[in-house]
Amino acid sequence: MTGRRGLPEGGLSRRGLLGALAGVTLAGGCRLAGAERAGAPLASRLPLPRPFAVPLPVPPVARPGADGTSYELVQRPARVEIIPGTRTEVWGYDGVFPGPTFDVRAGRPIRVRVVNRLPVPTSTHLHGGVTPPDSDGYPTHLVVPSGLAGRFRPGHGGQGAHGGQAGQGGHGARRPEAWRPARETFVHEYPLGQAAATLWYHDHRMDFTGPQVYRGLAGMFLIRDEAEDALPLPRGDREIPLLICDRAFEEDGALRYPSVDPALLGEPGVTGAHHQGVEGDVMLVNGAPWPVAEVAAVRYRLRFLNACNARRLDLRLDPPPPSGAAFTQIGGDIGLLSRPRPLDGLVLAGAERADVVVDFGAYPVGTRVVLRNRLGAGRTREVMRFDVVRRAGDDSAVPARLARVRTLTPRDAVRRRRFDFRLGGPGPHGARWTVNGLPFDPGTALAAPELGTTELWTLTSDFHHPVHVHLGHFQVLSRNGRPPRPSDAGWKDTVDVRPYEVVQILVHFAGFRGRYVVHCHNLEHEDMAMMANIDVV
């Protein structure tokens, strides 16, 4: 790809990126903070609870209808207790935050009927799913609540011109067919033609993904298969999904988010330096602040998801186990690894997952093990605590061989592309984050990979950008010409591209033809146009 929609193979130098970045000023006169900082901290306005005072909740499991394959999720407001002693309105799938956990089988298709009873349009994306384009949660395939019917139509114009009725606005919808509003209800078809994996689902509405996920529209989605069933991994109540996010709160307990329009029906965007990404000062796990989980002195399977809007995580156990690694990673974004990997820490950018086993049997009964985030500051350095309270029998194990995983090589690639993620300068509504110098336009595409092929993509950046590819699954080939990091293992759908880094990935496209997107999963960057179409042909 060359010219305006692509970049020459040489790309930009680090000095060139620094120079371009240094000259950019955000709306309101705020300059972009140091590139190593992932987001702009947001302080709560109510007294924060002491840590480790509430038990770890486990989200409910989604239940199908009588046919065993049809599900319904009703998006609706609900008032829940997050900070003890206060009530917070969330927007939840079935009114809960996080939403119900799907626990489904590979190769057994399901249908999910989403009903929107919120005051805003929504679009639900199964993150990591191999899904037909009409069911993928494309940013303009919206489910419009009945209260907005008749006065909702797409806007026009370039990035920053997010206008239009009811804030559906956009970055330049040039083709009417790009807008596909549904009246209150939409049925997603999920074929589940993929291996066992830890996925998740969340809102994906164009221009407003950040605030709508922040208000609660996210949940876990677990796929299982026979190959995973045959492994002697921890099961039942010793397998725990851990959805980690950060939030800030108003004095009355409401969620605090710096939207230009808090109703999310007019002008999109966030205020001031929060264009860099919104970080809160309260760490939540499964919707609870700094919770505590009582565990037996046995192995547990923990499925970690970084569901923060912008915060990166470097998770450590304190104290570390007396012997052996803290974590044994068995899976990543898109399924099991070929072999287990011992790790002392888990580095997760936004939307990345890590499927790990922790052996609490290495600790004496009575030990309190704190899960810390080394990238946090102050209270956000603590995430949750595990209390080892009893001994128990344990027939689980982590086998030396987990799954057959094909390793891609550059010889598999039929084409090479380059994507540059960077701040493109101020727009009418603040910062404009771009891909290859262009803001998102639903009517145009930057790439047209062929179904069934593999491509080598080179990703460059000016900031921390967790890059997510819809439909395409990939393996990380290199970072700055060196081997990938331990956190890059296995098949992935999201990769953390650090400031001024050059990351090469081998992306394989399988499943369906149609229009999908690639974007930064810092949700404020995504909302400010750091997204591009890819047409799988």
Protein backbone atom coordinates (compact mmCIF):
# COMPACT_ATOMS: atom_id res chain seq x y z
CA MET A 1 0.00 0.00 0.00
CA THR A 2 1.41 3.38 -0.99
CA GLY A 3 0.15 6.92 -1.29
CA ARG A 4 -2.43 8.60 0.95
CA ARG A 5 -4.15 5.38 2.00
CA GLY A 6 -0.94 3.47 2.63
CA LEU A 7 2.60 4.03 3.76
CA PRO A 8 5.95 3.33 2.12
CA GLU A 9 7.74 0.31 3.45
CA GLY A 10 10.22 2.50 5.33
CA GLY A 11 7.48 4.28 7.28
CA LEU A 12 8.36 7.06 9.73
CA SER A 13 11.43 7.20 11.90
CA ARG A 14 11.19 7.50 15.65
CA ARG A 15 12.46 11.08 15.35
CA GLY A 16 9.79 11.85 12.77
CA LEU A 17 7.06 10.47 14.97
CA LEU A 18 8.35 12.42 17.97
CA GLY A 19 8.47 15.61 15.96
CA ALA A 20 4.94 15.16 14.66
CA LEU A 21 3.66 14.35 18.14
CA ALA A 22 5.39 17.29 19.80
CA GLY A 23 3.63 19.76 17.54
CA VAL A 24 0.10 18.54 18.24
CA THR A 25 -2.09 20.36 20.74
CA LEU A 26 -5.41 18.93 21.87
CA ALA A 27 -8.65 20.84 22.22
CA GLY A 28 -8.66 23.05 25.29
CA GLY A 29 -4.91 23.67 25.09
CA CYS A 30 -3.76 20.35 26.60
CA ARG A 31 -0.69 18.81 25.05
CA LEU A 32 -0.44 15.03 24.75
CA ALA A 33 1.21 13.75 27.92
CA GLY A 34 4.27 11.53 27.93
CA ALA A 35 3.81 8.74 25.42
CA GLU A 36 4.46 6.11 28.07
CA ARG A 37 1.23 7.08 29.87
CA ALA A 38 -1.74 5.15 28.57
CA GLY A 39 -4.52 7.39 29.85
CA ALA A 40 -5.51 10.46 31.82
CA PRO A 41 -6.43 9.67 35.46
CA LEU A 42 -9.95 10.59 36.58
CA ALA A 43 -10.54 11.02 40.32
CA SER A 44 -13.67 9.89 42.12
CA ARG A 45 -15.65 12.45 44.10
CA LEU A 46 -16.81 10.17 46.89
CA PRO A 47 -14.82 8.46 49.65
CA LEU A 48 -13.34 5.25 48.32
CA PRO A 49 -13.92 1.97 50.16
CA ARG A 50 -11.11 0.15 51.86
CA PRO A 51 -9.73 -2.65 49.69
CA PHE A 52 -10.53 -6.33 50.17
CA ALA A 53 -13.78 -5.66 52.02
CA VAL A 54 -16.23 -7.25 49.55
CA PRO A 55 -16.32 -10.81 48.20
CA LEU A 56 -15.50 -11.49 44.56
CA PRO A 57 -18.77 -11.87 42.62
CA VAL A 58 -19.09 -14.29 39.73
CA PRO A 59 -21.36 -13.12 36.90
CA PRO A 60 -24.41 -15.29 36.16
CA VAL A 61 -24.22 -17.79 33.32
CA ALA A 62 -26.36 -17.00 30.27
CA ARG A 63 -29.14 -19.57 29.83
CA PRO A 64 -30.62 -20.53 26.46
CA GLY A 65 -34.29 -20.94 25.69
CA ALA A 66 -36.11 -24.26 25.37
CA ASP A 67 -34.38 -25.07 22.07
CA GLY A 68 -30.96 -24.94 23.74
CA THR A 69 -29.49 -22.62 21.11
CA SER A 70 -31.38 -19.31 21.38
CA TYR A 71 -30.45 -16.66 23.91
CA GLU A 72 -31.81 -13.23 24.73
CA LEU A 73 -29.93 -10.27 26.18
CA VAL A 74 -31.94 -7.24 27.24
CA GLN A 75 -29.87 -4.07 27.47
CA ARG A 76 -31.42 -1.95 30.19
CA PRO A 77 -30.54 0.48 32.97
CA ALA A 78 -30.30 -0.85 36.52
CA ARG A 79 -29.26 0.54 39.88
CA VAL A 80 -26.69 -1.64 41.62
CA GLU A 81 -24.38 -1.38 44.60
CA ILE A 82 -20.77 -1.13 43.43
CA ILE A 83 -19.30 1.18 46.08
CA PRO A 84 -20.67 -0.13 49.41
CA GLY A 85 -23.45 2.07 50.75
CA THR A 86 -24.21 3.80 47.44
CA ARG A 87 -26.25 2.98 44.33
CA THR A 88 -24.92 3.35 40.81
CA GLU A 89 -26.89 3.30 37.59
CA VAL A 90 -25.32 0.96 35.05
CA TRP A 91 -26.31 0.00 31.54
CA GLY A 92 -26.18 -3.75 31.64
CA TYR A 93 -26.91 -6.78 29.51
CA ASP A 94 -29.90 -8.15 31.44
CA GLY A 95 -29.32 -5.24 33.79
CA VAL A 96 -26.15 -6.70 35.33
CA PHE A 97 -22.53 -5.56 35.22
CA PRO A 98 -20.64 -7.41 33.91
CA GLY A 99 -23.17 -9.10 31.66
CA PRO A 100 -23.96 -12.81 31.89
CA THR A 101 -21.11 -15.17 30.99
CA PHE A 102 -21.77 -17.31 27.92
CA ASP A 103 -20.48 -20.88 28.27
CA VAL A 104 -20.95 -22.54 24.89
CA ARG A 105 -19.61 -25.35 22.71
CA ALA A 106 -17.51 -25.06 19.58
CA GLY A 107 -19.34 -26.18 16.46
CA ARG A 108 -22.79 -25.69 17.98
CA PRO A 109 -24.21 -22.46 16.50
CA ILE A 110 -26.25 -20.16 18.69
CA ARG A 111 -28.47 -17.14 18.13
CA VAL A 112 -28.42 -14.17 20.49
CA ARG A 113 -31.37 -11.79 20.38
CA VAL A 114 -30.31 -8.37 21.67
CA VAL A 115 -33.12 -6.11 22.87
CA ASN A 116 -32.24 -2.45 23.39
CA ARG A 117 -34.18 -0.78 26.21
CA LEU A 118 -31.57 1.89 26.81
CA PRO A 119 -31.93 5.58 25.89
CA VAL A 120 -29.23 5.29 23.18
CA PRO A 121 -28.46 3.14 20.12
CA THR A 122 -26.11 0.17 20.57
CA SER A 123 -24.11 -2.33 18.53
CA THR A 124 -22.92 -5.57 20.15
CA HIS A 125 -19.57 -7.09 19.09
CA LEU A 126 -18.39 -10.61 19.94
CA HIS A 127 -14.71 -9.85 20.43
CA GLY A 128 -12.56 -12.59 18.92
CA GLY A 129 -15.49 -14.32 17.27
CA VAL A 130 -15.45 -15.73 13.75
CA THR A 131 -18.77 -14.17 12.90
CA PRO A 132 -20.70 -13.22 9.73
CA PRO A 133 -20.35 -9.49 9.00
CA ASP A 134 -24.01 -8.73 9.72
CA SER A 135 -23.60 -10.23 13.21
CA ASP A 136 -20.14 -8.84 14.00
CA GLY A 137 -21.29 -5.62 15.61
CA TYR A 138 -20.05 -3.25 12.91
CA PRO A 139 -20.01 0.26 14.44
CA THR A 140 -22.90 1.57 12.33
CA HIS A 141 -25.08 -1.57 12.47
CA LEU A 142 -27.14 -0.13 15.28
CA VAL A 143 -30.03 -1.36 17.37
CA VAL A 144 -32.16 1.72 17.96
CA PRO A 145 -34.50 1.89 20.96
CA SER A 146 -38.14 2.51 20.18
CA GLY A 147 -38.00 5.94 21.80
CA LEU A 148 -35.61 7.15 19.11
CA ALA A 149 -37.39 5.56 16.15
CA GLY A 150 -38.30 8.03 13.43
CA ARG A 151 -35.84 10.73 14.47
CA PHE A 152 -32.64 8.78 14.04
CA ARG A 153 -30.67 9.12 10.84
CA PRO A 154 -26.97 9.04 10.00
CA GLY A 155 -24.80 12.12 9.88
CA HIS A 156 -22.30 13.09 7.23
CA GLY A 157 -18.95 14.80 6.93
CA GLY A 158 -15.37 14.06 7.88
CA GLN A 159 -14.01 13.03 11.27
CA GLY A 160 -14.99 15.51 13.86
CA ALA A 161 -18.25 16.21 12.01
CA HIS A 162 -20.05 13.71 14.19
CA GLY A 163 -23.34 15.47 13.62
CA GLY A 164 -26.72 14.08 12.68
CA GLN A 165 -29.87 13.45 14.63
CA ALA A 166 -29.69 11.81 18.03
CA GLY A 167 -25.89 11.66 17.97
CA GLN A 168 -25.59 8.67 15.70
CA GLY A 169 -23.19 11.03 13.95
CA GLY A 170 -20.03 9.82 12.32
CA HIS A 171 -16.77 10.16 10.58
CA GLY A 172 -18.09 10.44 7.05
CA ALA A 173 -20.71 7.86 6.02
CA ARG A 174 -20.57 8.14 2.25
CA ARG A 175 -22.61 5.05 1.45
CA PRO A 176 -26.15 4.82 2.84
CA GLU A 177 -25.85 1.05 3.04
CA ALA A 178 -23.17 1.48 5.71
CA TRP A 179 -25.96 2.43 8.12
CA ARG A 180 -28.21 -0.43 9.10
CA PRO A 181 -30.39 0.53 12.04
CA ALA A 182 -32.62 -2.16 13.53
CA ARG A 183 -35.75 -1.36 15.52
CA GLU A 184 -35.10 -2.22 19.19
CA THR A 185 -34.14 -5.86 18.49
CA PHE A 186 -31.48 -7.66 16.47
CA VAL A 187 -30.60 -11.37 16.32
CA HIS A 188 -26.89 -12.21 16.10
CA GLU A 189 -25.87 -15.49 14.45
CA TYR A 190 -22.77 -17.03 16.05
CA PRO A 191 -21.60 -20.18 14.19
CA LEU A 192 -18.88 -20.92 16.81
CA GLY A 193 -16.72 -22.61 14.20
CA GLN A 194 -13.54 -22.08 16.22
CA ALA A 195 -11.56 -23.77 18.95
CA ALA A 196 -12.03 -23.33 22.69
CA ALA A 197 -11.18 -19.77 23.72
CA THR A 198 -11.80 -16.93 26.17
CA LEU A 199 -13.74 -14.27 24.25
CA TRP A 200 -15.86 -11.37 25.42
CA TYR A 201 -18.70 -9.22 24.13
CA HIS A 202 -19.22 -5.49 24.41
CA ASP A 203 -20.86 -2.45 22.88
CA HIS A 204 -19.32 -1.17 19.63
CA ARG A 205 -21.41 1.88 18.67
CA MET A 206 -19.49 4.32 16.50
CA ASP A 207 -18.27 7.44 18.36
CA PHE A 208 -19.67 6.20 21.70
CA THR A 209 -18.05 2.82 22.42
CA GLY A 210 -15.98 4.26 25.29
CA PRO A 211 -18.78 5.72 27.43
CA GLN A 212 -21.20 2.85 26.72
CA VAL A 213 -18.73 0.13 27.71
CA TYR A 214 -17.79 2.28 30.71
CA ARG A 215 -21.44 2.26 31.81
CA GLY A 216 -21.47 -1.53 31.86
CA LEU A 217 -22.01 -3.05 28.42
CA ALA A 218 -19.46 -5.89 28.57
CA GLY A 219 -19.40 -9.59 29.48
CA MET A 220 -17.37 -12.79 29.09
CA PHE A 221 -17.93 -15.42 26.38
CA LEU A 222 -16.29 -18.84 26.84
CA ILE A 223 -16.08 -21.43 24.07
CA ARG A 224 -15.25 -25.04 24.95
CA ASP A 225 -14.40 -28.08 22.82
CA GLU A 226 -13.49 -31.74 23.15
CA ALA A 227 -9.74 -31.12 23.00
CA GLU A 228 -9.96 -28.85 26.03
CA ASP A 229 -12.31 -31.27 27.81
CA ALA A 230 -9.64 -33.97 27.61
CA LEU A 231 -7.14 -31.89 29.61
CA PRO A 232 -6.99 -32.32 33.41
CA LEU A 233 -7.32 -28.59 34.08
CA PRO A 234 -9.13 -27.13 37.11
CA ARG A 235 -12.91 -27.08 36.63
CA GLY A 236 -16.14 -26.04 38.25
CA ASP A 237 -15.78 -23.50 41.03
CA ARG A 238 -12.01 -23.67 40.55
CA GLU A 239 -12.34 -21.98 37.17
CA ILE A 240 -13.01 -18.26 37.57
CA PRO A 241 -13.50 -15.55 34.92
CA LEU A 242 -11.93 -12.26 36.04
CA LEU A 243 -13.11 -9.19 34.13
CA ILE A 244 -10.88 -6.32 35.27
CA CYS A 245 -11.74 -2.67 34.64
CA ASP A 246 -11.31 0.72 36.28
CA ARG A 247 -13.97 3.32 36.95
CA ALA A 248 -14.41 6.67 38.71
CA PHE A 249 -17.49 7.76 40.65
CA GLU A 250 -19.40 10.96 41.35
CA GLU A 251 -20.26 12.00 44.89
CA ASP A 252 -23.71 10.40 44.63
CA GLY A 253 -22.28 7.10 43.38
CA ALA A 254 -22.92 7.69 39.67
CA LEU A 255 -20.23 6.66 37.22
CA ARG A 256 -17.98 9.60 36.38
CA TYR A 257 -16.97 9.87 32.71
CA PRO A 258 -15.86 13.07 30.91
CA SER A 259 -18.31 12.98 27.98
CA VAL A 260 -18.82 16.15 25.99
CA ASP A 261 -22.52 15.14 25.96
CA PRO A 262 -23.40 12.96 28.99
CA ALA A 263 -26.66 11.88 27.32
CA LEU A 264 -24.58 10.30 24.48
CA LEU A 265 -27.13 11.57 21.97
CA GLY A 266 -25.39 14.64 20.62
CA GLU A 267 -21.77 15.56 20.19
CA PRO A 268 -19.38 12.66 20.84
CA GLY A 269 -15.99 12.88 22.47
CA VAL A 270 -14.38 13.54 25.83
CA THR A 271 -13.03 16.68 27.41
CA GLY A 272 -9.44 17.85 27.72
CA ALA A 273 -6.55 15.42 27.99
CA HIS A 274 -8.95 12.48 28.33
CA HIS A 275 -8.62 12.08 24.57
CA GLN A 276 -5.58 10.02 25.53
CA GLY A 277 -7.88 7.50 27.20
CA VAL A 278 -10.00 7.45 30.33
CA GLU A 279 -8.63 5.80 33.46
CA GLY A 280 -10.52 5.63 36.75
CA ASP A 281 -9.17 5.40 40.31
CA VAL A 282 -11.23 2.38 41.42
CA MET A 283 -10.18 -1.10 40.29
CA LEU A 284 -13.13 -3.41 39.71
CA VAL A 285 -13.05 -7.18 39.26
CA ASN A 286 -16.33 -8.67 38.04
CA GLY A 287 -17.91 -5.35 38.97
CA ALA A 288 -16.67 -5.23 42.60
CA PRO A 289 -14.07 -2.81 44.01
CA TRP A 290 -10.86 -4.51 45.14
CA PRO A 291 -12.64 -7.77 46.02
CA VAL A 292 -11.36 -10.76 47.93
CA ALA A 293 -11.74 -14.40 46.89
CA GLU A 294 -11.40 -17.28 49.34
CA VAL A 295 -9.55 -20.17 47.71
CA ALA A 296 -8.40 -23.63 48.74
CA ALA A 297 -4.75 -24.61 48.62
CA VAL A 298 -5.15 -26.15 45.15
CA ARG A 299 -4.80 -25.16 41.49
CA TYR A 300 -7.24 -22.64 40.02
CA ARG A 301 -7.86 -21.71 36.42
CA LEU A 302 -8.18 -17.93 36.15
CA ARG A 303 -9.38 -16.35 32.90
CA PHE A 304 -8.14 -12.76 32.92
CA LEU A 305 -9.63 -10.05 30.71
CA ASN A 306 -8.41 -6.46 30.62
CA ALA A 307 -11.74 -4.70 30.02
CA CYS A 308 -10.41 -1.23 30.89
CA ASN A 309 -11.07 1.59 28.44
CA ALA A 310 -7.40 2.61 28.37
CA ARG A 311 -5.46 1.21 31.33
CA ARG A 312 -2.71 -1.34 30.74
CA LEU A 313 -2.03 -4.04 33.34
CA ASP A 314 1.10 -5.78 34.58
CA LEU A 315 -0.31 -8.28 37.07
CA ARG A 316 1.83 -9.83 39.83
CA LEU A 317 1.16 -11.96 42.90
CA ASP A 318 2.34 -10.55 46.23
CA PRO A 319 3.84 -12.48 47.85
CA PRO A 320 5.03 -14.60 44.95
CA PRO A 321 4.83 -18.35 45.52
CA PRO A 322 7.71 -19.81 47.58
CA SER A 323 8.69 -21.90 44.57
CA GLY A 324 7.85 -21.94 40.90
CA ALA A 325 6.32 -19.28 38.68
CA ALA A 326 3.35 -17.23 39.83
CA PHE A 327 1.31 -17.99 36.70
CA THR A 328 1.27 -20.88 34.27
CA GLN A 329 -0.25 -19.51 31.08
CA ILE A 330 -2.23 -22.08 29.14
CA GLY A 331 -4.10 -19.83 26.71
CA GLY A 332 -4.29 -16.37 25.17
CA ASP A 333 -6.81 -14.35 23.21
CA ILE A 334 -7.93 -17.06 20.80
CA GLY A 335 -7.42 -20.33 22.60
CA LEU A 336 -4.98 -22.74 24.15
CA LEU A 337 -1.24 -22.50 23.67
CA SER A 338 0.69 -25.48 22.37
CA ARG A 339 2.58 -25.75 25.66
CA PRO A 340 2.23 -24.08 29.05
CA ARG A 341 4.40 -21.05 29.80
CA PRO A 342 5.59 -20.18 33.32
CA LEU A 343 5.34 -16.44 33.95
CA ASP A 344 6.03 -14.19 36.91
CA GLY A 345 3.73 -11.48 35.53
CA LEU A 346 0.89 -10.98 33.07
CA VAL A 347 1.07 -7.92 30.83
CA LEU A 348 -2.34 -7.15 29.31
CA ALA A 349 -3.31 -4.17 27.18
CA GLY A 350 -6.96 -3.30 26.69
CA ALA A 351 -9.03 -6.27 25.40
CA GLU A 352 -6.22 -8.82 25.77
CA ARG A 353 -6.89 -12.05 27.66
CA ALA A 354 -4.72 -14.54 29.51
CA ASP A 355 -5.90 -18.03 30.52
CA VAL A 356 -3.70 -19.14 33.42
CA VAL A 357 -3.40 -21.67 36.21
CA VAL A 358 -2.32 -20.52 39.68
CA ASP A 359 -1.31 -23.14 42.22
CA PHE A 360 -2.42 -21.79 45.59
CA GLY A 361 -1.19 -25.09 47.02
CA ALA A 362 2.28 -23.49 46.96
CA TYR A 363 1.17 -21.19 49.81
CA PRO A 364 0.57 -22.11 53.46
CA VAL A 365 -3.06 -21.96 54.58
CA GLY A 366 -3.71 -18.50 55.98
CA THR A 367 -1.69 -16.67 53.34
CA ARG A 368 -3.22 -13.57 51.82
CA VAL A 369 -2.07 -13.10 48.23
CA VAL A 370 -2.61 -9.67 46.68
CA LEU A 371 -2.94 -9.31 42.92
CA ARG A 372 -1.10 -6.10 42.06
CA ASN A 373 -0.78 -4.02 38.92
CA ARG A 374 2.77 -2.76 38.58
CA LEU A 375 1.61 -0.15 36.05
CA GLY A 376 -0.83 1.41 38.50
CA ALA A 377 -0.28 4.27 40.92
CA GLY A 378 -1.66 4.72 44.42
CA ARG A 379 -4.80 2.66 44.97
CA THR A 380 -4.77 1.37 41.40
CA ARG A 381 -1.65 -0.66 42.16
CA GLU A 382 -3.92 -3.13 43.96
CA VAL A 383 -6.51 -5.18 42.06
CA MET A 384 -7.87 -7.92 44.36
CA ARG A 385 -6.82 -10.47 47.00
CA PHE A 386 -6.89 -14.24 47.26
CA ASP A 387 -7.15 -15.70 50.78
CA VAL A 388 -5.91 -19.28 51.06
CA VAL A 389 -8.33 -20.57 53.70
CA ARG A 390 -8.24 -24.39 53.64
CA ARG A 391 -6.61 -27.51 52.29
CA ALA A 392 -8.39 -29.71 49.77
CA GLY A 393 -7.77 -32.59 47.41
CA ASP A 394 -6.61 -31.69 43.92
CA ASP A 395 -6.74 -34.03 40.95
CA SER A 396 -5.99 -31.31 38.38
CA ALA A 397 -2.74 -30.93 36.46
CA VAL A 398 -1.19 -28.84 33.71
CA PRO A 399 0.03 -31.23 31.00
CA ALA A 400 3.21 -30.53 29.07
CA ARG A 401 1.23 -30.54 25.81
CA LEU A 402 -1.98 -28.53 25.57
CA ALA A 403 -3.06 -28.21 21.94
CA ARG A 404 -1.90 -28.52 18.37
CA VAL A 405 -1.19 -24.97 17.23
CA ARG A 406 0.00 -24.25 13.72
CA THR A 407 2.90 -21.79 13.63
CA LEU A 408 2.73 -19.26 10.81
CA THR A 409 5.87 -18.05 9.01
CA PRO A 410 6.48 -15.15 6.59
CA ARG A 411 6.40 -17.69 3.77
CA ASP A 412 2.66 -18.10 4.45
CA ALA A 413 1.98 -14.43 3.67
CA VAL A 414 0.55 -13.59 0.25
CA ARG A 415 0.75 -9.84 0.82
CA ARG A 416 2.40 -7.26 3.08
CA ARG A 417 0.68 -4.17 4.46
CA ARG A 418 1.64 -1.38 6.81
CA PHE A 419 -0.67 0.39 9.26
CA ASP A 420 0.44 3.45 11.22
CA PHE A 421 -1.54 4.43 14.32
CA ARG A 422 -1.04 7.99 15.49
CA LEU A 423 -2.53 11.30 16.55
CA GLY A 424 -3.48 13.17 13.41
CA GLY A 425 -4.10 16.64 14.77
CA PRO A 426 -7.08 18.51 16.22
CA GLY A 427 -10.53 18.14 14.68
CA PRO A 428 -13.77 20.09 15.23
CA HIS A 429 -14.44 18.13 18.42
CA GLY A 430 -10.96 17.57 19.80
CA ALA A 431 -8.21 15.06 19.14
CA ARG A 432 -8.28 13.00 15.96
CA TRP A 433 -6.60 9.60 16.13
CA THR A 434 -5.89 8.12 12.71
CA VAL A 435 -4.85 4.98 10.83
CA ASN A 436 -2.40 5.68 7.99
CA GLY A 437 -3.12 9.37 8.47
CA LEU A 438 -6.85 8.92 7.86
CA PRO A 439 -9.82 9.12 10.25
CA PHE A 440 -12.45 6.40 10.10
CA ASP A 441 -14.87 6.58 7.19
CA PRO A 442 -17.56 3.86 7.10
CA GLY A 443 -17.79 4.24 3.34
CA THR A 444 -14.20 3.36 2.40
CA ALA A 445 -11.75 0.52 3.10
CA LEU A 446 -7.98 0.52 3.57
CA ALA A 447 -7.44 -3.14 2.72
CA ALA A 448 -9.14 -6.04 0.94
CA PRO A 449 -7.55 -9.33 2.10
CA GLU A 450 -8.67 -12.53 0.44
CA LEU A 451 -10.58 -15.11 2.44
CA GLY A 452 -8.41 -18.08 3.38
CA THR A 453 -5.12 -16.20 3.03
CA THR A 454 -2.46 -14.92 5.42
CA GLU A 455 -0.95 -11.43 5.27
CA LEU A 456 2.07 -9.89 7.00
CA TRP A 457 1.12 -6.60 8.62
CA THR A 458 3.62 -4.10 10.02
CA LEU A 459 2.11 -1.94 12.79
CA THR A 460 3.71 1.33 13.92
CA SER A 461 2.61 3.84 16.53
CA ASP A 462 3.20 7.11 18.38
CA PHE A 463 1.57 5.98 21.65
CA HIS A 464 0.26 2.86 23.36
CA HIS A 465 -2.24 1.40 20.90
CA PRO A 466 -3.76 -2.06 21.52
CA VAL A 467 -4.62 -2.95 17.92
CA HIS A 468 -7.64 -5.24 17.43
CA VAL A 469 -8.49 -7.00 14.17
CA HIS A 470 -12.07 -8.14 13.61
CA LEU A 471 -12.45 -11.61 12.06
CA GLY A 472 -8.69 -11.97 11.39
CA HIS A 473 -6.69 -13.96 13.93
CA PHE A 474 -2.95 -13.54 14.03
CA GLN A 475 0.38 -14.50 15.50
CA VAL A 476 2.99 -11.95 16.55
CA LEU A 477 6.13 -12.36 14.46
CA SER A 478 8.47 -9.72 15.89
CA ARG A 479 8.84 -6.49 17.87
CA ASN A 480 11.41 -4.02 16.58
CA GLY A 481 13.00 -6.89 14.68
CA ARG A 482 13.33 -9.00 17.83
CA PRO A 483 11.33 -12.02 19.04
CA PRO A 484 7.87 -11.34 20.47
CA ARG A 485 7.27 -11.00 24.21
CA PRO A 486 5.91 -13.88 26.33
CA SER A 487 2.51 -12.16 26.42
CA ASP A 488 2.37 -12.42 22.62
CA ALA A 489 2.14 -16.22 22.60
CA GLY A 490 -0.43 -18.15 20.61
CA TRP A 491 -3.25 -16.97 18.35
CA LYS A 492 -4.40 -13.43 19.10
CA ASP A 493 -6.92 -10.81 18.04
CA THR A 494 -5.37 -7.85 19.91
CA VAL A 495 -1.73 -6.78 20.18
CA ASP A 496 -0.22 -4.05 22.33
CA VAL A 497 1.79 -1.71 20.08
CA ARG A 498 3.96 0.42 22.33
CA PRO A 499 5.15 3.98 21.58
CA TYR A 500 7.38 4.15 18.48
CA GLU A 501 7.37 0.39 18.21
CA VAL A 502 7.36 -1.66 15.01
CA VAL A 503 5.31 -4.85 15.45
CA GLN A 504 4.92 -7.45 12.73
CA ILE A 505 1.98 -9.85 12.79
CA LEU A 506 0.85 -12.65 10.50
CA VAL A 507 -2.94 -12.31 10.08
CA HIS A 508 -5.06 -15.17 8.78
CA PHE A 509 -8.55 -14.50 7.43
CA ALA A 510 -11.01 -17.39 7.63
CA GLY A 511 -14.74 -17.81 7.95
CA PHE A 512 -16.63 -15.12 6.06
CA ARG A 513 -16.41 -12.46 3.39
CA GLY A 514 -17.60 -8.97 4.11
CA ARG A 515 -16.76 -5.69 5.76
CA TYR A 516 -14.94 -5.72 9.11
CA VAL A 517 -12.74 -3.23 10.95
CA VAL A 518 -9.30 -2.90 12.49
CA HIS A 519 -8.94 -0.35 15.27
CA CYS A 520 -7.21 0.74 18.43
CA HIS A 521 -8.84 -0.75 21.52
CA ASN A 522 -8.08 2.25 23.64
CA LEU A 523 -11.77 3.07 23.45
CA GLU A 524 -11.34 6.83 23.47
CA HIS A 525 -8.92 6.53 20.55
CA GLU A 526 -11.44 4.33 18.74
CA ASP A 527 -14.21 6.88 19.31
CA MET A 528 -11.94 9.62 17.98
CA ALA A 529 -11.65 7.81 14.62
CA MET A 530 -8.69 5.41 15.05
CA MET A 531 -10.38 2.72 13.01
CA ALA A 532 -10.36 1.48 9.40
CA ASN A 533 -12.46 -0.84 7.27
CA ILE A 534 -11.11 -4.08 5.87
CA ASP A 535 -13.13 -5.82 3.16
CA VAL A 536 -12.54 -9.59 3.17
CA VAL A 537 -13.11 -10.73 -0.41
